Amino acid sequence: MGAGGVPSAAEGSIIGLNRSITTQSEGSLSGERLTGMIQVDAQVIAGDSGGPLYDAQNEVVGMDTAASSSPMQSLGFAIPIDRALSIAQKIETGQDGGNITLGVPGFLGIQYRPDTAGSSVGAVVAGIVRKTPAADLGLVPGDTIVSLSGSTVTSGEQLKTLLSQHRGGDRVSLTWHDSHGASHTASVTLIDGPAE
């Protein structure tokens, strides 16, 4: 239950396979799409991510990854163990790319609005994390980031992908439009990002 001490198991049953979910993570107002998940009715809580999902024979069948909780029901979602082991092997051999980022990504310090159909080009800033490069630049909610080091930004998710290719200490050029439509360009040094 996240309080330390001797680990304990939360009992439950597998109630679905190959499920797709959208998660909500800190630092972003949009979610991440996870597919091919094992769904269980066990009580999975914050801090359980990375822990084992095991069966009645004590065989690990998945890695706990996400949870959804309501007063009526607790649901957990796990990555099937074969896929988790495949990803771990790529990390061990230093294969960076795709959905795998080795090391700490560069961090600008913005929260962005979820992308919606028909929205304007760019990543619309929804919030600023204090004491970050975004705060130092004077970015404010409502600004729209349209370019990062020469790459056109078409969405918040694309900005996240572009930033994941950089590390703390990298200097990037950022172009954004403020809420009045004025364009700004500045260079900024990214800091180490939080672990995801």
N, C-alpha and C. Protein backbone atom coordinates (compact mmCIF):
# COMPACT_ATOMS: atom_id res chain seq x y z
N MET A 1 0.82 -1.22 0.00
CA MET A 1 0.00 0.00 0.00
C MET A 1 0.85 1.27 0.00
N GLY A 2 2.08 1.19 -0.46
CA GLY A 2 2.92 2.37 -0.61
C GLY A 2 3.49 2.92 0.68
N ALA A 3 3.39 2.13 1.77
CA ALA A 3 3.87 2.62 3.06
C ALA A 3 5.17 1.97 3.49
N GLY A 4 5.82 1.22 2.61
CA GLY A 4 7.04 0.54 2.95
C GLY A 4 6.75 -0.75 3.68
N GLY A 5 7.80 -1.37 4.24
CA GLY A 5 7.60 -2.63 4.96
C GLY A 5 7.63 -3.82 4.03
N VAL A 6 7.09 -4.92 4.52
CA VAL A 6 7.10 -6.17 3.77
C VAL A 6 6.10 -6.09 2.61
N PRO A 7 6.54 -6.41 1.40
CA PRO A 7 5.62 -6.37 0.27
C PRO A 7 4.46 -7.35 0.45
N SER A 8 3.33 -6.99 -0.06
CA SER A 8 2.18 -7.89 -0.01
C SER A 8 1.51 -7.89 -1.38
N ALA A 9 0.70 -8.91 -1.63
CA ALA A 9 0.04 -9.05 -2.92
C ALA A 9 -1.42 -8.62 -2.81
N ALA A 10 -1.92 -8.01 -3.86
CA ALA A 10 -3.33 -7.67 -3.96
C ALA A 10 -3.98 -8.73 -4.84
N GLU A 11 -4.95 -9.46 -4.30
CA GLU A 11 -5.58 -10.53 -5.06
C GLU A 11 -6.55 -9.98 -6.08
N GLY A 12 -6.70 -10.72 -7.16
CA GLY A 12 -7.65 -10.34 -8.20
C GLY A 12 -7.62 -11.34 -9.31
N SER A 13 -8.35 -11.03 -10.37
CA SER A 13 -8.45 -11.91 -11.52
C SER A 13 -8.18 -11.12 -12.80
N ILE A 14 -7.66 -11.82 -13.79
CA ILE A 14 -7.53 -11.22 -15.11
C ILE A 14 -8.93 -11.14 -15.70
N ILE A 15 -9.32 -9.94 -16.11
CA ILE A 15 -10.67 -9.76 -16.67
C ILE A 15 -10.64 -9.31 -18.12
N GLY A 16 -9.44 -9.12 -18.68
CA GLY A 16 -9.36 -8.74 -20.07
C GLY A 16 -7.93 -8.82 -20.59
N LEU A 17 -7.81 -9.12 -21.86
CA LEU A 17 -6.52 -9.17 -22.54
C LEU A 17 -6.54 -8.21 -23.73
N ASN A 18 -5.35 -7.80 -24.13
CA ASN A 18 -5.19 -6.93 -25.30
C ASN A 18 -6.02 -5.65 -25.19
N ARG A 19 -6.06 -5.07 -23.97
CA ARG A 19 -6.83 -3.84 -23.73
C ARG A 19 -6.02 -2.62 -24.16
N SER A 20 -6.72 -1.57 -24.55
CA SER A 20 -6.09 -0.29 -24.88
C SER A 20 -6.63 0.75 -23.91
N ILE A 21 -5.74 1.56 -23.36
CA ILE A 21 -6.14 2.60 -22.41
C ILE A 21 -5.36 3.87 -22.71
N THR A 22 -5.87 5.00 -22.21
CA THR A 22 -5.15 6.27 -22.26
C THR A 22 -4.87 6.69 -20.83
N THR A 23 -3.61 6.90 -20.52
CA THR A 23 -3.22 7.27 -19.16
C THR A 23 -3.10 8.78 -19.03
N GLN A 24 -3.11 9.26 -17.81
CA GLN A 24 -2.87 10.67 -17.49
C GLN A 24 -1.60 10.71 -16.66
N SER A 25 -0.58 11.38 -17.16
CA SER A 25 0.68 11.43 -16.42
C SER A 25 0.97 12.84 -15.95
N GLU A 26 1.82 12.93 -14.92
CA GLU A 26 2.18 14.24 -14.38
C GLU A 26 2.96 15.02 -15.42
N GLY A 27 2.78 16.34 -15.44
CA GLY A 27 3.52 17.21 -16.34
C GLY A 27 2.87 17.36 -17.70
N SER A 28 1.71 16.74 -17.88
CA SER A 28 1.03 16.84 -19.17
C SER A 28 -0.47 16.76 -18.94
N LEU A 29 -1.21 17.54 -19.69
CA LEU A 29 -2.66 17.46 -19.61
C LEU A 29 -3.20 16.42 -20.58
N SER A 30 -2.34 15.91 -21.45
CA SER A 30 -2.79 14.85 -22.35
C SER A 30 -2.29 13.52 -21.81
N GLY A 31 -2.80 12.46 -22.37
CA GLY A 31 -2.44 11.14 -21.89
C GLY A 31 -1.57 10.39 -22.88
N GLU A 32 -1.15 9.22 -22.45
CA GLU A 32 -0.36 8.33 -23.29
C GLU A 32 -1.22 7.12 -23.61
N ARG A 33 -1.20 6.69 -24.85
CA ARG A 33 -2.00 5.55 -25.30
C ARG A 33 -1.19 4.27 -25.10
N LEU A 34 -1.73 3.33 -24.33
CA LEU A 34 -1.09 2.04 -24.09
C LEU A 34 -1.97 0.96 -24.72
N THR A 35 -1.36 0.03 -25.42
CA THR A 35 -2.12 -1.02 -26.09
C THR A 35 -1.59 -2.39 -25.69
N GLY A 36 -2.41 -3.41 -25.93
CA GLY A 36 -2.00 -4.79 -25.66
C GLY A 36 -1.87 -5.10 -24.18
N MET A 37 -2.61 -4.40 -23.33
CA MET A 37 -2.46 -4.53 -21.88
C MET A 37 -3.31 -5.67 -21.31
N ILE A 38 -2.84 -6.23 -20.20
CA ILE A 38 -3.61 -7.19 -19.40
C ILE A 38 -4.41 -6.38 -18.38
N GLN A 39 -5.71 -6.61 -18.29
CA GLN A 39 -6.56 -5.90 -17.33
C GLN A 39 -6.92 -6.84 -16.18
N VAL A 40 -6.76 -6.33 -14.96
CA VAL A 40 -7.07 -7.12 -13.76
C VAL A 40 -8.00 -6.32 -12.85
N ASP A 41 -8.73 -7.04 -11.99
CA ASP A 41 -9.58 -6.36 -11.02
C ASP A 41 -8.92 -6.29 -9.65
N ALA A 42 -7.59 -6.39 -9.61
CA ALA A 42 -6.83 -6.26 -8.36
C ALA A 42 -6.60 -4.78 -8.06
N GLN A 43 -6.35 -4.48 -6.80
CA GLN A 43 -6.11 -3.10 -6.38
C GLN A 43 -4.65 -2.73 -6.66
N VAL A 44 -4.42 -2.10 -7.79
CA VAL A 44 -3.10 -1.58 -8.16
C VAL A 44 -3.09 -0.11 -7.80
N ILE A 45 -2.07 0.32 -7.05
CA ILE A 45 -2.02 1.71 -6.58
C ILE A 45 -0.73 2.38 -7.03
N ALA A 46 -0.66 3.69 -6.86
CA ALA A 46 0.55 4.44 -7.19
C ALA A 46 1.73 3.82 -6.45
N GLY A 47 2.81 3.64 -7.14
CA GLY A 47 3.99 3.01 -6.56
C GLY A 47 4.12 1.54 -6.93
N ASP A 48 3.04 0.94 -7.44
CA ASP A 48 3.09 -0.46 -7.86
C ASP A 48 3.68 -0.63 -9.26
N SER A 49 3.75 0.45 -10.02
CA SER A 49 4.28 0.35 -11.39
C SER A 49 5.66 -0.27 -11.39
N GLY A 50 5.86 -1.20 -12.29
CA GLY A 50 7.13 -1.92 -12.37
C GLY A 50 7.13 -3.19 -11.56
N GLY A 51 6.11 -3.38 -10.74
CA GLY A 51 6.01 -4.59 -9.93
C GLY A 51 5.41 -5.73 -10.74
N PRO A 52 5.51 -6.95 -10.19
CA PRO A 52 5.05 -8.11 -10.95
C PRO A 52 3.55 -8.36 -10.84
N LEU A 53 2.97 -8.82 -11.93
CA LEU A 53 1.64 -9.40 -11.94
C LEU A 53 1.89 -10.89 -12.08
N TYR A 54 1.51 -11.67 -11.07
CA TYR A 54 1.81 -13.10 -11.15
C TYR A 54 0.56 -13.93 -10.93
N ASP A 55 0.62 -15.15 -11.46
CA ASP A 55 -0.54 -16.03 -11.43
C ASP A 55 -0.52 -16.95 -10.21
N ALA A 56 -1.48 -17.86 -10.13
CA ALA A 56 -1.62 -18.76 -8.98
C ALA A 56 -0.43 -19.70 -8.82
N GLN A 57 0.35 -19.89 -9.88
CA GLN A 57 1.55 -20.74 -9.80
C GLN A 57 2.81 -19.90 -9.52
N ASN A 58 2.61 -18.65 -9.14
CA ASN A 58 3.71 -17.72 -8.85
C ASN A 58 4.60 -17.43 -10.06
N GLU A 59 4.04 -17.57 -11.26
CA GLU A 59 4.75 -17.22 -12.49
C GLU A 59 4.40 -15.78 -12.85
N VAL A 60 5.41 -14.97 -13.11
CA VAL A 60 5.17 -13.58 -13.49
C VAL A 60 4.63 -13.56 -14.92
N VAL A 61 3.46 -12.94 -15.08
CA VAL A 61 2.82 -12.87 -16.39
C VAL A 61 2.76 -11.45 -16.94
N GLY A 62 3.09 -10.46 -16.11
CA GLY A 62 3.04 -9.08 -16.56
C GLY A 62 3.76 -8.15 -15.61
N MET A 63 3.91 -6.89 -16.05
CA MET A 63 4.51 -5.84 -15.22
C MET A 63 3.46 -4.75 -15.02
N ASP A 64 3.08 -4.53 -13.74
CA ASP A 64 2.08 -3.51 -13.42
C ASP A 64 2.52 -2.16 -13.98
N THR A 65 1.55 -1.48 -14.62
CA THR A 65 1.89 -0.24 -15.33
C THR A 65 0.94 0.90 -15.03
N ALA A 66 -0.34 0.63 -14.89
CA ALA A 66 -1.32 1.70 -14.72
C ALA A 66 -2.49 1.19 -13.90
N ALA A 67 -3.27 2.14 -13.37
CA ALA A 67 -4.43 1.77 -12.57
C ALA A 67 -5.54 2.78 -12.76
N SER A 68 -6.74 2.31 -12.54
CA SER A 68 -7.92 3.16 -12.54
C SER A 68 -8.72 2.79 -11.31
N SER A 69 -9.05 3.77 -10.49
CA SER A 69 -9.73 3.46 -9.25
C SER A 69 -10.96 4.33 -9.09
N SER A 70 -12.02 3.71 -8.64
CA SER A 70 -13.25 4.43 -8.32
C SER A 70 -13.80 3.82 -7.03
N PRO A 71 -14.77 4.49 -6.39
CA PRO A 71 -15.34 3.90 -5.17
C PRO A 71 -15.95 2.52 -5.40
N MET A 72 -16.35 2.23 -6.62
CA MET A 72 -17.01 0.96 -6.92
C MET A 72 -16.04 -0.15 -7.32
N GLN A 73 -14.90 0.21 -7.97
CA GLN A 73 -14.03 -0.83 -8.52
C GLN A 73 -12.62 -0.32 -8.71
N SER A 74 -11.64 -1.19 -8.45
CA SER A 74 -10.25 -0.90 -8.75
C SER A 74 -9.83 -1.78 -9.92
N LEU A 75 -9.17 -1.18 -10.90
CA LEU A 75 -8.68 -1.91 -12.06
C LEU A 75 -7.19 -1.65 -12.22
N GLY A 76 -6.47 -2.67 -12.61
CA GLY A 76 -5.06 -2.52 -12.88
C GLY A 76 -4.76 -2.96 -14.30
N PHE A 77 -3.67 -2.45 -14.85
CA PHE A 77 -3.27 -2.80 -16.20
C PHE A 77 -1.78 -3.12 -16.19
N ALA A 78 -1.42 -4.18 -16.89
CA ALA A 78 -0.03 -4.65 -16.90
C ALA A 78 0.42 -4.91 -18.33
N ILE A 79 1.71 -4.67 -18.56
CA ILE A 79 2.34 -5.03 -19.83
C ILE A 79 2.61 -6.53 -19.78
N PRO A 80 2.23 -7.30 -20.81
CA PRO A 80 2.56 -8.73 -20.82
C PRO A 80 4.06 -8.93 -20.66
N ILE A 81 4.46 -9.94 -19.90
CA ILE A 81 5.86 -10.10 -19.52
C ILE A 81 6.78 -10.30 -20.73
N ASP A 82 6.31 -10.98 -21.78
CA ASP A 82 7.17 -11.16 -22.96
C ASP A 82 7.55 -9.81 -23.57
N ARG A 83 6.59 -8.90 -23.63
CA ARG A 83 6.87 -7.57 -24.18
C ARG A 83 7.79 -6.78 -23.24
N ALA A 84 7.54 -6.87 -21.93
CA ALA A 84 8.39 -6.17 -20.96
C ALA A 84 9.83 -6.66 -21.05
N LEU A 85 10.02 -7.96 -21.18
CA LEU A 85 11.37 -8.52 -21.27
C LEU A 85 12.05 -8.11 -22.58
N SER A 86 11.28 -8.02 -23.65
CA SER A 86 11.84 -7.58 -24.93
C SER A 86 12.34 -6.14 -24.83
N ILE A 87 11.56 -5.28 -24.19
CA ILE A 87 11.98 -3.89 -23.99
C ILE A 87 13.21 -3.83 -23.09
N ALA A 88 13.22 -4.62 -22.01
CA ALA A 88 14.37 -4.64 -21.10
C ALA A 88 15.64 -5.06 -21.82
N GLN A 89 15.52 -6.03 -22.71
CA GLN A 89 16.68 -6.50 -23.47
C GLN A 89 17.22 -5.40 -24.37
N LYS A 90 16.33 -4.63 -25.00
CA LYS A 90 16.77 -3.52 -25.85
C LYS A 90 17.49 -2.46 -25.02
N ILE A 91 16.98 -2.19 -23.83
CA ILE A 91 17.64 -1.21 -22.94
C ILE A 91 19.02 -1.70 -22.54
N GLU A 92 19.12 -2.99 -22.17
CA GLU A 92 20.40 -3.56 -21.74
C GLU A 92 21.45 -3.50 -22.84
N THR A 93 21.01 -3.63 -24.09
CA THR A 93 21.97 -3.61 -25.20
C THR A 93 22.17 -2.20 -25.77
N GLY A 94 21.54 -1.19 -25.14
CA GLY A 94 21.76 0.19 -25.52
C GLY A 94 21.01 0.64 -26.75
N GLN A 95 19.90 -0.03 -27.08
CA GLN A 95 19.11 0.35 -28.26
C GLN A 95 18.19 1.50 -27.91
N ASP A 96 18.56 2.69 -28.33
CA ASP A 96 17.78 3.90 -28.10
C ASP A 96 16.96 4.17 -29.35
N GLY A 97 15.75 4.66 -29.20
CA GLY A 97 14.93 5.02 -30.35
C GLY A 97 13.54 4.42 -30.25
N GLY A 98 12.66 4.87 -31.13
CA GLY A 98 11.27 4.42 -31.06
C GLY A 98 10.65 4.92 -29.77
N ASN A 99 10.14 4.02 -28.97
CA ASN A 99 9.55 4.38 -27.67
C ASN A 99 10.53 4.25 -26.53
N ILE A 100 11.81 4.01 -26.83
CA ILE A 100 12.82 3.81 -25.79
C ILE A 100 13.76 5.01 -25.77
N THR A 101 13.84 5.67 -24.62
CA THR A 101 14.77 6.77 -24.43
C THR A 101 15.73 6.39 -23.31
N LEU A 102 16.99 6.28 -23.64
CA LEU A 102 18.00 5.97 -22.64
C LEU A 102 18.52 7.26 -22.03
N GLY A 103 18.67 7.28 -20.72
CA GLY A 103 19.11 8.48 -20.04
C GLY A 103 17.94 9.39 -19.72
N VAL A 104 18.25 10.55 -19.19
CA VAL A 104 17.23 11.50 -18.77
C VAL A 104 16.96 12.47 -19.92
N PRO A 105 15.71 12.60 -20.35
CA PRO A 105 15.42 13.51 -21.46
C PRO A 105 15.55 14.97 -21.05
N GLY A 106 15.74 15.83 -22.05
CA GLY A 106 15.74 17.26 -21.79
C GLY A 106 14.35 17.73 -21.39
N PHE A 107 14.30 18.77 -20.58
CA PHE A 107 13.02 19.23 -20.02
C PHE A 107 12.89 20.74 -20.24
N LEU A 108 11.77 21.14 -20.84
CA LEU A 108 11.49 22.55 -21.07
C LEU A 108 10.68 23.14 -19.91
N GLY A 109 9.72 22.36 -19.41
CA GLY A 109 8.95 22.82 -18.25
C GLY A 109 7.56 23.33 -18.58
N ILE A 110 6.92 22.74 -19.60
CA ILE A 110 5.55 23.16 -19.90
C ILE A 110 4.59 21.99 -19.75
N GLN A 111 3.35 22.33 -19.50
CA GLN A 111 2.24 21.41 -19.67
C GLN A 111 1.52 21.90 -20.92
N TYR A 112 1.06 20.97 -21.75
CA TYR A 112 0.40 21.40 -22.97
C TYR A 112 -1.03 20.86 -23.01
N ARG A 113 -1.85 21.57 -23.78
CA ARG A 113 -3.24 21.17 -23.91
C ARG A 113 -3.35 19.92 -24.76
N PRO A 114 -4.33 19.06 -24.47
CA PRO A 114 -4.53 17.90 -25.34
C PRO A 114 -4.81 18.37 -26.76
N ASP A 115 -4.27 17.62 -27.72
CA ASP A 115 -4.49 17.97 -29.12
C ASP A 115 -5.93 17.66 -29.49
N THR A 116 -6.55 18.58 -30.22
CA THR A 116 -7.92 18.38 -30.66
C THR A 116 -8.01 18.58 -32.16
N ALA A 117 -8.91 17.85 -32.78
CA ALA A 117 -9.09 17.98 -34.23
C ALA A 117 -9.47 19.41 -34.57
N GLY A 118 -8.85 19.94 -35.58
CA GLY A 118 -9.17 21.29 -36.04
C GLY A 118 -8.48 22.38 -35.26
N SER A 119 -7.60 22.02 -34.31
CA SER A 119 -6.90 23.06 -33.55
C SER A 119 -5.79 23.64 -34.40
N SER A 120 -5.28 24.79 -33.98
CA SER A 120 -4.22 25.45 -34.74
C SER A 120 -2.93 24.64 -34.64
N VAL A 121 -2.02 24.89 -35.57
CA VAL A 121 -0.73 24.21 -35.57
C VAL A 121 0.06 24.62 -34.34
N GLY A 122 0.71 23.66 -33.71
CA GLY A 122 1.58 23.96 -32.58
C GLY A 122 1.12 23.28 -31.32
N ALA A 123 1.93 23.45 -30.28
CA ALA A 123 1.62 22.93 -28.94
C ALA A 123 1.16 24.11 -28.08
N VAL A 124 -0.10 24.09 -27.68
CA VAL A 124 -0.65 25.18 -26.89
C VAL A 124 -0.28 24.96 -25.43
N VAL A 125 0.37 25.96 -24.84
CA VAL A 125 0.83 25.88 -23.46
C VAL A 125 -0.37 26.00 -22.51
N ALA A 126 -0.49 25.03 -21.61
CA ALA A 126 -1.58 25.06 -20.61
C ALA A 126 -1.05 25.46 -19.24
N GLY A 127 0.22 25.21 -18.99
CA GLY A 127 0.80 25.54 -17.69
C GLY A 127 2.32 25.56 -17.77
N ILE A 128 2.94 26.22 -16.82
CA ILE A 128 4.39 26.36 -16.75
C ILE A 128 4.87 25.84 -15.40
N VAL A 129 5.92 25.01 -15.43
CA VAL A 129 6.54 24.52 -14.20
C VAL A 129 7.53 25.57 -13.73
N ARG A 130 7.43 25.95 -12.45
CA ARG A 130 8.32 26.98 -11.91
C ARG A 130 9.79 26.55 -11.97
N LYS A 131 10.65 27.54 -12.09
CA LYS A 131 12.11 27.34 -12.09
C LYS A 131 12.57 26.39 -13.18
N THR A 132 12.02 26.56 -14.39
CA THR A 132 12.41 25.76 -15.55
C THR A 132 12.75 26.71 -16.69
N PRO A 133 13.33 26.19 -17.78
CA PRO A 133 13.63 27.05 -18.92
C PRO A 133 12.40 27.77 -19.47
N ALA A 134 11.25 27.11 -19.48
CA ALA A 134 10.02 27.76 -19.98
C ALA A 134 9.67 28.98 -19.13
N ALA A 135 9.82 28.85 -17.82
CA ALA A 135 9.53 29.98 -16.93
C ALA A 135 10.54 31.10 -17.15
N ASP A 136 11.82 30.73 -17.34
CA ASP A 136 12.86 31.73 -17.59
C ASP A 136 12.61 32.50 -18.89
N LEU A 137 12.05 31.81 -19.90
CA LEU A 137 11.75 32.47 -21.17
C LEU A 137 10.55 33.40 -21.08
N GLY A 138 9.73 33.21 -20.05
CA GLY A 138 8.53 34.02 -19.91
C GLY A 138 7.32 33.44 -20.63
N LEU A 139 7.38 32.15 -20.99
CA LEU A 139 6.21 31.52 -21.60
C LEU A 139 5.06 31.53 -20.60
N VAL A 140 3.85 31.69 -21.12
CA VAL A 140 2.65 31.71 -20.27
C VAL A 140 1.57 30.86 -20.92
N PRO A 141 0.60 30.40 -20.11
CA PRO A 141 -0.51 29.65 -20.69
C PRO A 141 -1.17 30.45 -21.81
N GLY A 142 -1.49 29.76 -22.89
CA GLY A 142 -2.07 30.41 -24.06
C GLY A 142 -1.08 30.62 -25.18
N ASP A 143 0.23 30.62 -24.85
CA ASP A 143 1.25 30.69 -25.90
C ASP A 143 1.20 29.39 -26.71
N THR A 144 1.64 29.47 -27.98
CA THR A 144 1.66 28.28 -28.84
C THR A 144 3.07 28.09 -29.38
N ILE A 145 3.69 26.97 -29.03
CA ILE A 145 5.03 26.66 -29.53
C ILE A 145 4.89 26.07 -30.92
N VAL A 146 5.58 26.69 -31.90
CA VAL A 146 5.42 26.28 -33.29
C VAL A 146 6.69 25.70 -33.90
N SER A 147 7.84 25.84 -33.21
CA SER A 147 9.08 25.30 -33.77
C SER A 147 10.08 25.03 -32.66
N LEU A 148 10.82 23.92 -32.80
CA LEU A 148 11.91 23.58 -31.89
C LEU A 148 13.13 23.25 -32.73
N SER A 149 14.14 24.10 -32.66
CA SER A 149 15.41 23.92 -33.39
C SER A 149 15.19 23.59 -34.86
N GLY A 150 14.29 24.34 -35.50
CA GLY A 150 14.06 24.20 -36.93
C GLY A 150 13.01 23.18 -37.32
N SER A 151 12.54 22.36 -36.37
CA SER A 151 11.48 21.39 -36.67
C SER A 151 10.13 22.02 -36.33
N THR A 152 9.22 21.99 -37.30
CA THR A 152 7.88 22.53 -37.07
C THR A 152 7.15 21.68 -36.05
N VAL A 153 6.53 22.33 -35.08
CA VAL A 153 5.75 21.63 -34.04
C VAL A 153 4.29 21.69 -34.45
N THR A 154 3.67 20.53 -34.60
CA THR A 154 2.27 20.46 -35.02
C THR A 154 1.32 20.09 -33.90
N SER A 155 1.87 19.62 -32.75
CA SER A 155 1.02 19.19 -31.64
C SER A 155 1.85 19.08 -30.37
N GLY A 156 1.16 18.97 -29.24
CA GLY A 156 1.85 18.77 -27.98
C GLY A 156 2.61 17.46 -27.95
N GLU A 157 2.01 16.41 -28.49
CA GLU A 157 2.67 15.10 -28.51
C GLU A 157 3.93 15.14 -29.38
N GLN A 158 3.87 15.88 -30.48
CA GLN A 158 5.05 15.98 -31.33
C GLN A 158 6.16 16.75 -30.62
N LEU A 159 5.79 17.81 -29.88
CA LEU A 159 6.79 18.55 -29.11
C LEU A 159 7.45 17.63 -28.09
N LYS A 160 6.65 16.81 -27.42
CA LYS A 160 7.19 15.85 -26.45
C LYS A 160 8.19 14.91 -27.12
N THR A 161 7.86 14.43 -28.33
CA THR A 161 8.77 13.54 -29.06
C THR A 161 10.06 14.27 -29.43
N LEU A 162 9.95 15.51 -29.90
CA LEU A 162 11.15 16.27 -30.25
C LEU A 162 12.03 16.51 -29.03
N LEU A 163 11.42 16.85 -27.90
CA LEU A 163 12.19 17.09 -26.68
C LEU A 163 12.88 15.81 -26.19
N SER A 164 12.24 14.65 -26.43
CA SER A 164 12.82 13.39 -25.96
C SER A 164 14.12 13.05 -26.67
N GLN A 165 14.38 13.73 -27.80
CA GLN A 165 15.62 13.51 -28.53
C GLN A 165 16.77 14.36 -27.99
N HIS A 166 16.49 15.18 -26.98
CA HIS A 166 17.50 16.05 -26.38
C HIS A 166 17.74 15.64 -24.93
N ARG A 167 18.85 16.10 -24.38
CA ARG A 167 19.21 15.83 -23.00
C ARG A 167 19.38 17.16 -22.26
N GLY A 168 19.38 17.10 -20.94
CA GLY A 168 19.66 18.27 -20.15
C GLY A 168 21.01 18.85 -20.54
N GLY A 169 21.07 20.18 -20.68
CA GLY A 169 22.30 20.84 -21.11
C GLY A 169 22.30 21.18 -22.59
N ASP A 170 21.41 20.53 -23.36
CA ASP A 170 21.32 20.86 -24.79
C ASP A 170 20.71 22.25 -24.95
N ARG A 171 21.27 23.01 -25.89
CA ARG A 171 20.72 24.32 -26.21
C ARG A 171 19.86 24.19 -27.45
N VAL A 172 18.62 24.66 -27.36
CA VAL A 172 17.68 24.57 -28.48
C VAL A 172 17.11 25.95 -28.79
N SER A 173 16.62 26.08 -30.01
CA SER A 173 15.94 27.31 -30.41
C SER A 173 14.44 27.05 -30.38
N LEU A 174 13.71 27.95 -29.76
CA LEU A 174 12.27 27.79 -29.60
C LEU A 174 11.56 28.98 -30.23
N THR A 175 10.54 28.70 -31.04
CA THR A 175 9.70 29.75 -31.61
C THR A 175 8.28 29.54 -31.14
N TRP A 176 7.65 30.62 -30.67
CA TRP A 176 6.28 30.53 -30.19
C TRP A 176 5.52 31.80 -30.54
N HIS A 177 4.19 31.67 -30.55
CA HIS A 177 3.30 32.81 -30.75
C HIS A 177 2.59 33.07 -29.44
N ASP A 178 2.53 34.33 -29.05
CA ASP A 178 1.80 34.65 -27.83
C ASP A 178 0.31 34.76 -28.14
N SER A 179 -0.49 35.01 -27.12
CA SER A 179 -1.95 35.04 -27.29
C SER A 179 -2.41 36.20 -28.17
N HIS A 180 -1.53 37.17 -28.42
CA HIS A 180 -1.88 38.29 -29.30
C HIS A 180 -1.41 38.05 -30.74
N GLY A 181 -0.77 36.89 -30.98
CA GLY A 181 -0.32 36.55 -32.32
C GLY A 181 1.09 36.96 -32.64
N ALA A 182 1.77 37.64 -31.71
CA ALA A 182 3.16 38.06 -31.95
C ALA A 182 4.08 36.84 -31.88
N SER A 183 5.08 36.81 -32.77
CA SER A 183 6.01 35.69 -32.83
C SER A 183 7.28 36.02 -32.04
N HIS A 184 7.80 35.02 -31.34
CA HIS A 184 9.02 35.16 -30.54
C HIS A 184 9.93 33.99 -30.82
N THR A 185 11.22 34.22 -30.86
CA THR A 185 12.21 33.16 -30.99
C THR A 185 13.32 33.43 -30.00
N ALA A 186 13.74 32.36 -29.30
CA ALA A 186 14.82 32.49 -28.33
C ALA A 186 15.53 31.15 -28.19
N SER A 187 16.80 31.23 -27.78
CA SER A 187 17.56 30.02 -27.48
C SER A 187 17.45 29.76 -25.98
N VAL A 188 17.38 28.50 -25.63
CA VAL A 188 17.23 28.12 -24.24
C VAL A 188 17.98 26.81 -23.99
N THR A 189 18.52 26.68 -22.79
CA THR A 189 19.21 25.45 -22.40
C THR A 189 18.26 24.58 -21.60
N LEU A 190 18.03 23.37 -22.08
CA LEU A 190 17.14 22.44 -21.40
C LEU A 190 17.79 21.94 -20.12
N ILE A 191 16.97 21.54 -19.17
CA ILE A 191 17.45 20.93 -17.94
C ILE A 191 17.10 19.44 -17.96
N ASP A 192 17.64 18.68 -17.00
CA ASP A 192 17.29 17.27 -16.91
C ASP A 192 15.82 17.14 -16.58
N GLY A 193 15.13 16.27 -17.31
CA GLY A 193 13.70 16.06 -17.08
C GLY A 193 13.44 15.10 -15.95
N PRO A 194 12.20 15.11 -15.43
CA PRO A 194 11.83 14.14 -14.40
C PRO A 194 11.71 12.75 -15.00
N ALA A 195 11.90 11.72 -14.20
CA ALA A 195 11.70 10.35 -14.67
C ALA A 195 10.24 10.15 -14.98
N GLU A 196 9.95 9.40 -16.05
CA GLU A 196 8.55 9.14 -16.40
C GLU A 196 8.10 7.85 -15.78
